[in-house]
């Protein structure tokens, strides 16, 4: 039986869209905008995704997470979707795309595609990003509400590797799991942070 991601990709292919084009990203955004939530357990087990022992720089991952300071944080995401940006003490930094509403997420993702290392969209494809690159260029300002530190001791699942071939399908899935506030409030706050 085809996986959820395979079904989505087949549906997109039937429209005749070029994969990873602006039109294709728009199609995925519109196709998934009315989906309120997704079964995260099924998503983690999807055949097109892989469990890994650690996160890798420039690659996309998702995982279950329990924030260390959850009692004092106004909100956090229990199921981040991140591009790993770099190491941090006892963990790593990542940009969690769930903190952006779909429209801004699509714009930011399009900008990030300019710093991918190749156009193969296979196991070798990754983003060439760092905090300095993201913070130093105005066009990447959408990263500010998304930049988070994750402690490996607070991860509650293995990292789930999202191959580059699946980026656009996973990008708009409503797999976020915000605690402390709903996604609409989080997105509103993110817009404020971006505007400064």
Foldseek 3Di string as FASTA:
>chain_A
DAAPLVVVVVVLVVVVDDPPDLVSLVVLQVVAVPPQADDVVSVLVHPQKAFDQAADAQFWWWFAFDDPPVVPDLKDWRIFTWHWAAADVQFGKTFGLLLAPSVVSSQLVVVQVVQWPDDPQFQNIGGPHHPCVLVVDLSNLLSVLRIDTGHPVGTPGGIMTRGSSRCSNPSNHRHTDMDNDDSVVSNVVSVVSSVD
